[in-house]
């Protein structure tokens, strides 16, 4: 499958936001992650820092 782990890097370290996301949207600083069941997690004040397709990983960063 094509799910990716979404991680958030902040001053406190790196934490997992969603382990199996199928979609990640950036709506002007509000990141929305969606899993295969349609559950959504939003992260305000973040940006997409890195997308690693080989490792199925999306790294978000909060300034």
C-alpha atoms as a PDB file:
ATOM      1  CA  UNK A   1       0.000   0.000   0.000  1.00  0.00           C
ATOM      2  CA  UNK A   2       0.982   3.645  -0.141  1.00  0.00           C
ATOM      3  CA  UNK A   3       0.445   4.818   3.419  1.00  0.00           C
ATOM      4  CA  UNK A   4       3.008   7.085   5.019  1.00  0.00           C
ATOM      5  CA  UNK A   5       3.911   7.921   8.591  1.00  0.00           C
ATOM      6  CA  UNK A   6       3.456  11.608   9.390  1.00  0.00           C
ATOM      7  CA  UNK A   7       5.890  12.982  11.973  1.00  0.00           C
ATOM      8  CA  UNK A   8       6.069  16.429  13.584  1.00  0.00           C
ATOM      9  CA  UNK A   9       9.420  17.994  14.470  1.00  0.00           C
ATOM     10  CA  UNK A  10       9.222  20.704  17.138  1.00  0.00           C
ATOM     11  CA  UNK A  11      11.380  22.134  19.918  1.00  0.00           C
ATOM     12  CA  UNK A  12      10.352  19.161  22.096  1.00  0.00           C
ATOM     13  CA  UNK A  13      11.581  16.610  19.524  1.00  0.00           C
ATOM     14  CA  UNK A  14       9.893  14.403  16.919  1.00  0.00           C
ATOM     15  CA  UNK A  15       6.459  12.895  17.529  1.00  0.00           C
ATOM     16  CA  UNK A  16       4.175  10.700  15.441  1.00  0.00           C
ATOM     17  CA  UNK A  17       1.033  12.449  14.191  1.00  0.00           C
ATOM     18  CA  UNK A  18      -0.477   9.661  12.074  1.00  0.00           C
ATOM     19  CA  UNK A  19       1.098   6.237  11.427  1.00  0.00           C
ATOM     20  CA  UNK A  20      -0.732   5.393   8.171  1.00  0.00           C
ATOM     21  CA  UNK A  21      -1.788   8.532   6.293  1.00  0.00           C
ATOM     22  CA  UNK A  22      -3.070   8.262   2.724  1.00  0.00           C
ATOM     23  CA  UNK A  23      -3.304  12.030   2.147  1.00  0.00           C
ATOM     24  CA  UNK A  24      -1.608  15.150   3.486  1.00  0.00           C
ATOM     25  CA  UNK A  25      -2.896  18.636   2.601  1.00  0.00           C
ATOM     26  CA  UNK A  26      -1.345  22.033   3.323  1.00  0.00           C
ATOM     27  CA  UNK A  27      -3.992  24.733   3.642  1.00  0.00           C
ATOM     28  CA  UNK A  28      -1.811  27.755   4.331  1.00  0.00           C
ATOM     29  CA  UNK A  29      -0.074  26.589   7.492  1.00  0.00           C
ATOM     30  CA  UNK A  30      -2.770  24.145   8.559  1.00  0.00           C
ATOM     31  CA  UNK A  31      -1.724  20.591   7.686  1.00  0.00           C
ATOM     32  CA  UNK A  32      -4.494  17.993   7.415  1.00  0.00           C
ATOM     33  CA  UNK A  33      -3.634  14.279   7.456  1.00  0.00           C
ATOM     34  CA  UNK A  34      -6.217  11.662   6.452  1.00  0.00           C
ATOM     35  CA  UNK A  35      -6.079   7.896   6.998  1.00  0.00           C
ATOM     36  CA  UNK A  36      -7.764   5.132   4.979  1.00  0.00           C
ATOM     37  CA  UNK A  37     -10.845   5.226   7.236  1.00  0.00           C
ATOM     38  CA  UNK A  38     -11.306   8.956   6.631  1.00  0.00           C
ATOM     39  CA  UNK A  39     -10.133  10.051  10.073  1.00  0.00           C
ATOM     40  CA  UNK A  40      -8.472  13.454   9.996  1.00  0.00           C
ATOM     41  CA  UNK A  41      -5.788  15.034  12.157  1.00  0.00           C
ATOM     42  CA  UNK A  42      -4.970  18.721  11.733  1.00  0.00           C
ATOM     43  CA  UNK A  43      -1.770  20.464  12.778  1.00  0.00           C
ATOM     44  CA  UNK A  44      -1.918  24.257  12.962  1.00  0.00           C
ATOM     45  CA  UNK A  45       1.181  26.371  12.408  1.00  0.00           C
ATOM     46  CA  UNK A  46       3.196  23.660  10.654  1.00  0.00           C
ATOM     47  CA  UNK A  47       4.783  23.213   7.247  1.00  0.00           C
ATOM     48  CA  UNK A  48       5.892  20.212   5.224  1.00  0.00           C
ATOM     49  CA  UNK A  49       9.657  19.962   5.762  1.00  0.00           C
ATOM     50  CA  UNK A  50      10.391  16.679   3.959  1.00  0.00           C
ATOM     51  CA  UNK A  51       8.617  13.976   1.980  1.00  0.00           C
ATOM     52  CA  UNK A  52      10.532  10.687   1.800  1.00  0.00           C
ATOM     53  CA  UNK A  53       8.706   8.411  -0.646  1.00  0.00           C
ATOM     54  CA  UNK A  54      11.186   5.556  -0.259  1.00  0.00           C
ATOM     55  CA  UNK A  55      10.671   5.365   3.522  1.00  0.00           C
ATOM     56  CA  UNK A  56       6.956   6.313   3.355  1.00  0.00           C
ATOM     57  CA  UNK A  57       7.520   9.257   5.684  1.00  0.00           C
ATOM     58  CA  UNK A  58       6.285  12.861   5.775  1.00  0.00           C
ATOM     59  CA  UNK A  59       8.091  15.192   8.166  1.00  0.00           C
ATOM     60  CA  UNK A  60       6.281  18.316   9.342  1.00  0.00           C
ATOM     61  CA  UNK A  61       8.042  21.183  11.070  1.00  0.00           C
ATOM     62  CA  UNK A  62       6.683  23.741  13.489  1.00  0.00           C
ATOM     63  CA  UNK A  63       8.604  27.012  13.708  1.00  0.00           C
END
